[in-house]
Amino acid sequence: MSLEKIDMQTVQMQFDFADLQPIEEKQVKKSYSKDTGKFVFEFMDMLAAPIITFSESWADAIPQSLKQDVTLSRLMGRMQKEEMATIPETVAYIMTRTYEAPMNHEWANIYLWCSSQYMKQYRNKTDEDLKEINPSEKLSEHEKSLLKRLRVWIWEKRREAVKARLKQTANNQYEN
C-alpha cells in the first residue's frame, strides 16, 4: 500500500461481505512492552490512524461528527484493551459500503444495530428517537460473529496503515 497517494484521514480497504464464515476464536498473546516505539505506535493508532473505508470515493460522505467520535471511541477502546475497531469506526466503514451496492439482510441488520448503538452512545439518542429505523434490539449469534470479524479486520488494517506511515516517516528522516 503506497501512502504517498492516500488521504491520511481515510483509507480504502475492501472487506468480503459475502464471506459468511464465522470468526474462529484464537489465543492472542498480549505483550505490552514499555519501549518508546510501542508507545508511539499506540498513540498514533488512537489519535492519528486513518479511518478505514470500503470506498475512497465515498470517504467525504462520512459526517465530520462521526470522524471526531471515531477518535474518542478509539481512546475508550484502548482503555478497555479492545483489539477490534470501535462501533463508530464500523459504522463509518459500513456506511461507505452501503453507497456502493445494496447489502444482504444480515449486513443491513448489523449496520442498523451498529448505527443505533452509535447514536445512543455518542449522540444521546433514545430508543424513541430511533424507532423510525427500527433497529434490532440484539444481533443473532451469526450476526455477532460477522460483526466481530469485520471489527477485527478493520482494526488490523488500521494498524497496518499506522505501521506503514511510521515506516515511511522513518525512511524520510534517514534520507534527509
Foldseek 3Di string as FASTA:
>chain_A
DDPPPDDQQEAADADDLPDLDFDDDDDDDDDQDPDPVSVVLLVCLLARFHQYANDPVCLVVPDPLLSVVQSVQSVVCVVVVDQFGGLSSVLRHVVRVCVVDHHDPLVVLLNLVSVVVCCVPPVVDDCVNSVVVPHDPDHDPSSVRVVRVNRNVSSVVRSVRSVVVVVVVVVVVVVD
